[in-house]
């Protein structure tokens, strides 16, 4: 439940379905039932994030800032 980047995959999947002949799969109730079930599962976590000031966004920003830091070879030990 802490892998919020899965939302990017879901958006890409939806775009792929809409732009190909597989869009017929969206006419069935299955994808919508699954989306509602997934939303209900994630909803308590989103409420917690909201109530605590979105700490995931702060963590993600810190990771992005320190991801490509260049260290001198003698500092790695």
N, C-alpha and C. Protein backbone atom coordinates (compact mmCIF):
# COMPACT_ATOMS: atom_id res chain seq x y z
N UNK A 1 0.80 -1.20 0.00
CA UNK A 1 0.00 0.00 0.00
C UNK A 1 0.85 1.26 0.00
N UNK A 2 2.15 1.15 0.05
CA UNK A 2 2.98 2.34 0.03
C UNK A 2 3.60 2.57 -1.34
N UNK A 3 3.25 1.80 -2.29
CA UNK A 3 3.80 1.95 -3.64
C UNK A 3 2.83 2.79 -4.48
N UNK A 4 2.85 4.09 -4.23
CA UNK A 4 1.91 4.97 -4.91
C UNK A 4 2.23 5.16 -6.39
N UNK A 5 3.42 4.81 -6.80
CA UNK A 5 3.77 4.97 -8.21
C UNK A 5 3.02 3.99 -9.10
N UNK A 6 2.33 3.03 -8.51
CA UNK A 6 1.52 2.11 -9.31
C UNK A 6 0.45 2.89 -10.06
N UNK A 7 0.09 4.07 -9.57
CA UNK A 7 -0.91 4.89 -10.25
C UNK A 7 -0.44 5.26 -11.65
N UNK A 8 0.86 5.48 -11.84
CA UNK A 8 1.38 5.78 -13.17
C UNK A 8 1.19 4.59 -14.10
N UNK A 9 1.39 3.39 -13.58
CA UNK A 9 1.20 2.19 -14.39
C UNK A 9 -0.27 2.04 -14.77
N UNK A 10 -1.16 2.31 -13.83
CA UNK A 10 -2.60 2.20 -14.11
C UNK A 10 -3.01 3.20 -15.18
N UNK A 11 -2.50 4.42 -15.10
CA UNK A 11 -2.83 5.43 -16.11
C UNK A 11 -2.29 4.99 -17.48
N UNK A 12 -1.07 4.48 -17.52
CA UNK A 12 -0.49 4.02 -18.79
C UNK A 12 -1.30 2.85 -19.35
N UNK A 13 -1.73 1.95 -18.49
CA UNK A 13 -2.56 0.82 -18.94
C UNK A 13 -3.88 1.31 -19.51
N UNK A 14 -4.50 2.27 -18.84
CA UNK A 14 -5.77 2.81 -19.32
C UNK A 14 -5.59 3.49 -20.68
N UNK A 15 -4.53 4.27 -20.83
CA UNK A 15 -4.26 4.93 -22.12
C UNK A 15 -4.03 3.88 -23.20
N UNK A 16 -3.27 2.84 -22.87
CA UNK A 16 -3.02 1.77 -23.83
C UNK A 16 -4.30 1.06 -24.25
N UNK A 17 -5.19 0.84 -23.30
CA UNK A 17 -6.46 0.21 -23.64
C UNK A 17 -7.31 1.11 -24.52
N UNK A 18 -7.31 2.40 -24.21
CA UNK A 18 -8.14 3.32 -25.00
C UNK A 18 -7.63 3.51 -26.42
N UNK A 19 -6.32 3.42 -26.61
CA UNK A 19 -5.74 3.69 -27.93
C UNK A 19 -5.59 2.46 -28.82
N UNK A 20 -5.94 1.30 -28.32
CA UNK A 20 -5.81 0.07 -29.11
C UNK A 20 -7.17 -0.60 -29.28
N UNK A 21 -7.16 -1.67 -30.03
CA UNK A 21 -8.42 -2.40 -30.24
C UNK A 21 -8.88 -3.13 -28.97
N UNK A 22 -8.07 -3.14 -27.94
CA UNK A 22 -8.45 -3.79 -26.68
C UNK A 22 -9.43 -2.95 -25.87
N UNK A 23 -9.84 -1.79 -26.40
CA UNK A 23 -10.75 -0.92 -25.66
C UNK A 23 -12.09 -1.59 -25.40
N UNK A 24 -12.39 -2.64 -26.14
CA UNK A 24 -13.63 -3.39 -25.91
C UNK A 24 -13.68 -4.02 -24.53
N UNK A 25 -12.53 -4.26 -23.95
CA UNK A 25 -12.50 -4.83 -22.59
C UNK A 25 -13.08 -3.87 -21.56
N UNK A 26 -13.07 -2.58 -21.86
CA UNK A 26 -13.62 -1.60 -20.94
C UNK A 26 -15.15 -1.58 -20.96
N UNK A 27 -15.77 -2.29 -21.90
CA UNK A 27 -17.22 -2.35 -21.97
C UNK A 27 -17.78 -3.36 -20.97
N UNK A 28 -16.92 -4.17 -20.41
CA UNK A 28 -17.34 -5.17 -19.42
C UNK A 28 -17.32 -4.56 -18.03
N UNK A 29 -18.06 -5.12 -17.09
CA UNK A 29 -18.08 -4.56 -15.74
C UNK A 29 -16.84 -4.90 -14.91
N UNK A 30 -16.06 -5.86 -15.33
CA UNK A 30 -14.92 -6.31 -14.55
C UNK A 30 -13.93 -5.22 -14.17
N UNK A 31 -13.46 -4.40 -15.12
CA UNK A 31 -12.50 -3.35 -14.76
C UNK A 31 -13.05 -2.35 -13.75
N UNK A 32 -14.33 -2.07 -13.83
CA UNK A 32 -14.93 -1.09 -12.93
C UNK A 32 -15.13 -1.67 -11.53
N UNK A 33 -15.49 -2.94 -11.46
CA UNK A 33 -15.61 -3.61 -10.16
C UNK A 33 -14.23 -3.67 -9.50
N UNK A 34 -13.21 -4.00 -10.27
CA UNK A 34 -11.85 -4.05 -9.73
C UNK A 34 -11.39 -2.67 -9.27
N UNK A 35 -11.73 -1.63 -10.02
CA UNK A 35 -11.32 -0.26 -9.64
C UNK A 35 -12.00 0.16 -8.34
N UNK A 36 -13.26 -0.18 -8.18
CA UNK A 36 -13.97 0.16 -6.94
C UNK A 36 -13.37 -0.62 -5.77
N UNK A 37 -13.09 -1.90 -5.95
CA UNK A 37 -12.49 -2.71 -4.89
C UNK A 37 -11.12 -2.16 -4.50
N UNK A 38 -10.30 -1.83 -5.48
CA UNK A 38 -8.97 -1.29 -5.19
C UNK A 38 -9.08 0.06 -4.48
N UNK A 39 -10.02 0.88 -4.88
CA UNK A 39 -10.20 2.18 -4.24
C UNK A 39 -10.62 2.01 -2.78
N UNK A 40 -11.51 1.07 -2.52
CA UNK A 40 -11.93 0.83 -1.14
C UNK A 40 -10.79 0.31 -0.28
N UNK A 41 -9.90 -0.48 -0.86
CA UNK A 41 -8.77 -1.01 -0.12
C UNK A 41 -7.77 0.11 0.21
N UNK A 42 -7.56 1.02 -0.72
CA UNK A 42 -6.56 2.07 -0.55
C UNK A 42 -7.10 3.27 0.22
N UNK A 43 -8.40 3.43 0.29
CA UNK A 43 -9.01 4.60 0.90
C UNK A 43 -8.54 4.88 2.33
N UNK A 44 -8.48 3.90 3.23
CA UNK A 44 -7.99 4.21 4.59
C UNK A 44 -6.56 4.76 4.59
N UNK A 45 -5.72 4.23 3.72
CA UNK A 45 -4.35 4.72 3.65
C UNK A 45 -4.31 6.16 3.15
N UNK A 46 -5.12 6.48 2.17
CA UNK A 46 -5.16 7.85 1.66
C UNK A 46 -5.68 8.82 2.72
N UNK A 47 -6.68 8.38 3.50
CA UNK A 47 -7.16 9.23 4.59
C UNK A 47 -6.05 9.47 5.61
N UNK A 48 -5.27 8.45 5.92
CA UNK A 48 -4.18 8.60 6.88
C UNK A 48 -3.14 9.57 6.33
N UNK A 49 -2.78 9.42 5.06
CA UNK A 49 -1.82 10.33 4.43
C UNK A 49 -2.33 11.77 4.51
N UNK A 50 -3.59 11.96 4.20
CA UNK A 50 -4.18 13.29 4.22
C UNK A 50 -4.15 13.88 5.63
N UNK A 51 -4.52 13.06 6.63
CA UNK A 51 -4.58 13.53 8.01
C UNK A 51 -3.20 13.89 8.57
N UNK A 52 -2.15 13.29 8.02
CA UNK A 52 -0.80 13.52 8.53
C UNK A 52 0.05 14.39 7.60
N UNK A 53 -0.59 15.10 6.70
CA UNK A 53 0.12 16.07 5.86
C UNK A 53 0.90 15.45 4.71
N UNK A 54 0.45 14.34 4.19
CA UNK A 54 1.06 13.67 3.04
C UNK A 54 2.55 13.39 3.24
N UNK A 55 2.93 12.61 4.26
CA UNK A 55 4.34 12.32 4.50
C UNK A 55 5.01 11.56 3.35
N UNK A 56 4.22 10.83 2.57
CA UNK A 56 4.82 10.13 1.44
C UNK A 56 5.43 11.11 0.45
N UNK A 57 4.77 12.24 0.23
CA UNK A 57 5.30 13.22 -0.72
C UNK A 57 6.60 13.82 -0.22
N UNK A 58 6.70 14.04 1.09
CA UNK A 58 7.95 14.54 1.66
C UNK A 58 9.07 13.52 1.49
N UNK A 59 8.74 12.25 1.74
CA UNK A 59 9.73 11.18 1.59
C UNK A 59 10.17 11.06 0.13
N UNK A 60 9.22 11.11 -0.79
CA UNK A 60 9.55 10.99 -2.20
C UNK A 60 10.42 12.15 -2.66
N UNK A 61 10.14 13.35 -2.17
CA UNK A 61 10.96 14.50 -2.54
C UNK A 61 12.38 14.34 -2.03
N UNK A 62 12.54 13.80 -0.83
CA UNK A 62 13.88 13.59 -0.27
C UNK A 62 14.64 12.54 -1.07
N UNK A 63 13.95 11.51 -1.53
CA UNK A 63 14.59 10.47 -2.32
C UNK A 63 15.04 11.02 -3.66
N UNK A 64 14.20 11.82 -4.29
CA UNK A 64 14.54 12.40 -5.59
C UNK A 64 15.75 13.32 -5.47
N UNK A 65 15.80 14.10 -4.40
CA UNK A 65 16.91 15.04 -4.23
C UNK A 65 18.24 14.33 -4.01
N UNK A 66 18.23 13.17 -3.36
CA UNK A 66 19.49 12.50 -3.03
C UNK A 66 19.78 11.29 -3.90
N UNK A 67 19.03 11.09 -4.94
CA UNK A 67 19.17 9.88 -5.75
C UNK A 67 20.46 9.85 -6.56
N UNK A 68 20.81 10.92 -7.21
CA UNK A 68 21.96 10.93 -8.10
C UNK A 68 23.10 11.77 -7.54
N UNK A 69 23.40 11.55 -6.30
CA UNK A 69 24.48 12.28 -5.65
C UNK A 69 25.80 11.61 -6.01
N UNK A 70 26.78 12.40 -6.38
CA UNK A 70 28.10 11.87 -6.74
C UNK A 70 29.00 11.99 -5.51
N UNK A 71 29.54 10.85 -5.09
CA UNK A 71 30.45 10.81 -3.95
C UNK A 71 31.86 10.54 -4.42
N UNK A 72 32.81 11.04 -3.69
CA UNK A 72 34.20 10.72 -3.96
C UNK A 72 34.43 9.27 -3.52
N UNK A 73 35.35 8.54 -4.18
CA UNK A 73 35.57 7.12 -3.85
C UNK A 73 35.93 6.88 -2.39
N UNK A 74 36.63 7.81 -1.75
CA UNK A 74 37.06 7.58 -0.37
C UNK A 74 35.93 7.80 0.63
N UNK A 75 34.79 8.33 0.22
CA UNK A 75 33.67 8.54 1.14
C UNK A 75 32.71 7.35 1.18
N UNK A 76 32.91 6.37 0.34
CA UNK A 76 31.98 5.23 0.28
C UNK A 76 32.24 4.22 1.38
N UNK A 77 33.36 4.26 2.03
CA UNK A 77 33.68 3.26 3.06
C UNK A 77 33.10 3.57 4.38
